[in-house]
């Protein structure tokens, strides 16, 4: 028994709608370019200070944390672009590239979710550490309310990550349909 033609057309249209996501991934490539520009600006602003010899250990640590933060954000964007495109739009036909990341094509939605949460927690931890370092370096009164909110937000990300991992673990114990 064959399906009615209206159902076939609807299903093909729904399946083709996945291509509506492609412009979003192109937009994320532009966002990655913006992160590169900001990374370069951070580096350019730091070079004269470093070369002047008037750099303190805390300044070097803050610079490194800023660059790591931007790098993690860039990695996060790449993970979303590659795995999101491959999971929801189309497999990337890039031939036998030796540079192809080993995880490409193997990260499912659950794995993508966990990588995103782990990256967000790491970025949040770096932002929190930067805030603490800046507060102790400035010799100014610490904005306790701001620090409290930064800790609460970070802990919210950590708890969310743990709960998502727990949900994935529980789901792995059930029979798949």
Protein backbone atom coordinates (compact mmCIF):
# COMPACT_ATOMS: atom_id res chain seq x y z
CA UNK A 1 0.00 0.00 0.00
CA UNK A 2 1.48 3.32 -1.01
CA UNK A 3 1.22 6.57 0.84
CA UNK A 4 -1.08 9.31 -0.38
CA UNK A 5 0.81 11.81 -2.56
CA UNK A 6 0.02 14.71 -0.21
CA UNK A 7 1.76 12.85 2.62
CA UNK A 8 4.80 12.15 0.45
CA UNK A 9 5.05 15.80 -0.60
CA UNK A 10 4.67 16.96 3.01
CA UNK A 11 7.37 14.58 4.25
CA UNK A 12 9.79 15.61 1.50
CA UNK A 13 9.12 19.26 2.28
CA UNK A 14 9.68 18.73 5.98
CA UNK A 15 12.90 16.85 5.28
CA UNK A 16 14.12 19.59 2.93
CA UNK A 17 13.42 22.22 5.60
CA UNK A 18 16.59 21.12 7.38
CA UNK A 19 18.45 23.32 4.89
CA UNK A 20 16.96 26.36 6.62
CA UNK A 21 19.61 25.75 9.29
CA UNK A 22 22.51 26.17 6.82
CA UNK A 23 22.48 30.01 6.92
CA UNK A 24 22.69 29.84 10.71
CA UNK A 25 25.89 27.81 10.47
CA UNK A 26 27.29 30.36 8.00
CA UNK A 27 26.40 33.04 10.57
CA UNK A 28 28.35 31.10 13.18
CA UNK A 29 31.36 31.11 10.86
CA UNK A 30 31.08 34.92 10.84
CA UNK A 31 30.86 34.88 14.64
CA UNK A 32 34.05 32.80 14.69
CA UNK A 33 35.67 35.51 12.54
CA UNK A 34 34.56 38.12 15.08
CA UNK A 35 36.18 36.09 17.86
CA UNK A 36 39.42 36.02 15.87
CA UNK A 37 39.31 39.81 15.53
CA UNK A 38 38.77 40.24 19.29
CA UNK A 39 41.56 37.73 19.99
CA UNK A 40 43.90 39.76 17.78
CA UNK A 41 42.86 43.02 19.45
CA UNK A 42 43.56 41.56 22.91
CA UNK A 43 46.99 40.46 21.74
CA UNK A 44 47.80 43.77 20.04
CA UNK A 45 46.84 45.75 23.15
CA UNK A 46 48.99 43.49 25.33
CA UNK A 47 52.17 43.47 23.22
CA UNK A 48 53.27 47.06 24.03
CA UNK A 49 52.72 46.46 27.74
CA UNK A 50 54.68 43.22 27.62
CA UNK A 51 57.52 44.79 25.61
CA UNK A 52 57.72 47.77 27.97
CA UNK A 53 58.69 45.40 30.77
CA UNK A 54 55.98 46.92 32.96
CA UNK A 55 53.97 43.74 33.14
CA UNK A 56 53.10 42.04 36.40
CA UNK A 57 52.40 38.35 36.85
CA UNK A 58 48.70 39.08 37.42
CA UNK A 59 48.53 41.00 34.13
CA UNK A 60 50.11 38.08 32.26
CA UNK A 61 47.69 35.67 33.90
CA UNK A 62 44.71 37.88 33.01
CA UNK A 63 45.90 38.11 29.40
CA UNK A 64 46.35 34.34 29.20
CA UNK A 65 42.89 33.79 30.71
CA UNK A 66 41.33 36.21 28.23
CA UNK A 67 42.98 34.45 25.30
CA UNK A 68 42.03 31.01 26.63
CA UNK A 69 38.46 32.23 27.11
CA UNK A 70 38.27 33.40 23.49
CA UNK A 71 39.87 30.16 22.29
CA UNK A 72 37.32 28.06 24.20
CA UNK A 73 34.50 30.15 22.75
CA UNK A 74 35.93 29.59 19.26
CA UNK A 75 36.18 25.84 19.87
CA UNK A 76 32.59 25.87 21.06
CA UNK A 77 31.45 27.62 17.88
CA UNK A 78 33.34 25.07 15.73
CA UNK A 79 31.81 22.15 17.60
CA UNK A 80 28.33 23.57 17.05
CA UNK A 81 29.00 24.29 13.36
CA UNK A 82 30.47 20.88 12.51
CA UNK A 83 28.32 18.58 14.60
CA UNK A 84 25.15 20.64 14.17
CA UNK A 85 25.51 20.67 10.40
CA UNK A 86 26.31 16.95 10.25
CA UNK A 87 23.56 15.97 12.69
CA UNK A 88 20.76 18.13 11.35
CA UNK A 89 21.51 19.18 7.77
CA UNK A 90 23.86 16.93 5.79
CA UNK A 91 27.01 14.86 6.12
CA UNK A 92 30.08 16.83 5.09
CA UNK A 93 31.59 15.33 1.97
CA UNK A 94 35.16 16.56 2.31
CA UNK A 95 36.91 13.47 1.01
CA UNK A 96 39.71 11.72 2.85
CA UNK A 97 41.05 14.73 4.70
CA UNK A 98 43.84 13.78 7.09
CA UNK A 99 43.05 16.91 9.10
CA UNK A 100 39.43 15.91 9.67
CA UNK A 101 38.83 15.94 13.44
CA UNK A 102 38.31 12.39 14.74
CA UNK A 103 35.06 13.34 16.48
CA UNK A 104 33.41 14.69 13.31
CA UNK A 105 30.49 12.55 12.30
CA UNK A 106 30.51 10.72 15.63
CA UNK A 107 29.10 13.37 17.97
CA UNK A 108 25.38 12.82 18.40
CA UNK A 109 22.99 15.33 19.92
CA UNK A 110 23.66 14.08 23.44
CA UNK A 111 27.43 14.34 22.95
CA UNK A 112 27.05 17.80 21.44
CA UNK A 113 24.98 18.89 24.42
CA UNK A 114 27.61 17.64 26.88
CA UNK A 115 30.46 19.31 24.95
CA UNK A 116 28.52 22.59 24.95
CA UNK A 117 27.82 22.43 28.67
CA UNK A 118 31.43 21.53 29.47
CA UNK A 119 32.67 24.45 27.36
CA UNK A 120 30.21 26.86 28.97
CA UNK A 121 31.29 25.74 32.46
CA UNK A 122 34.96 26.22 31.51
CA UNK A 123 34.27 29.68 30.06
CA UNK A 124 32.28 30.61 33.16
CA UNK A 125 35.09 29.38 35.44
CA UNK A 126 37.62 31.49 33.55
CA UNK A 127 35.37 34.56 33.75
CA UNK A 128 34.99 33.98 37.49
CA UNK A 129 38.74 33.59 37.98
CA UNK A 130 39.39 36.74 35.96
CA UNK A 131 36.91 38.68 38.08
CA UNK A 132 38.57 37.48 41.30
CA UNK A 133 42.04 38.34 39.99
CA UNK A 134 40.93 41.78 38.86
CA UNK A 135 39.24 42.44 42.19
CA UNK A 136 42.32 41.52 44.20
CA UNK A 137 44.66 43.43 41.89
CA UNK A 138 42.76 46.72 41.86
CA UNK A 139 43.19 47.43 45.59
CA UNK A 140 39.66 48.77 45.47
CA UNK A 141 36.70 47.56 47.50
CA UNK A 142 35.38 44.30 46.11
CA UNK A 143 31.90 44.45 44.66
CA UNK A 144 30.54 41.60 46.74
CA UNK A 145 27.16 41.54 45.03
CA UNK A 146 28.79 41.15 41.60
CA UNK A 147 31.09 38.41 42.89
CA UNK A 148 28.18 36.60 44.50
CA UNK A 149 26.21 36.68 41.25
CA UNK A 150 29.22 35.43 39.27
CA UNK A 151 29.56 32.48 41.67
CA UNK A 152 25.81 31.76 41.57
CA UNK A 153 25.77 31.84 37.76
CA UNK A 154 28.82 29.59 37.57
CA UNK A 155 27.33 27.11 40.04
CA UNK A 156 24.10 27.16 38.02
CA UNK A 157 26.06 26.10 34.94
CA UNK A 158 27.85 23.38 36.91
CA UNK A 159 24.62 22.01 38.40
CA UNK A 160 22.92 22.14 34.99
CA UNK A 161 25.81 20.19 33.48
CA UNK A 162 25.67 17.55 36.19
CA UNK A 163 21.89 17.22 35.79
CA UNK A 164 22.18 16.92 32.00
CA UNK A 165 24.84 14.24 32.40
CA UNK A 166 22.61 12.43 34.89
CA UNK A 167 19.66 12.58 32.47
CA UNK A 168 21.84 11.20 29.66
CA UNK A 169 23.07 8.42 31.94
CA UNK A 170 19.52 7.53 32.96
CA UNK A 171 18.41 7.58 29.34
CA UNK A 172 21.25 5.20 28.44
CA UNK A 173 19.86 2.67 30.92
CA UNK A 174 16.51 2.46 29.14
CA UNK A 175 15.72 0.43 26.04
CA UNK A 176 15.87 2.46 22.86
CA UNK A 177 12.75 2.54 20.72
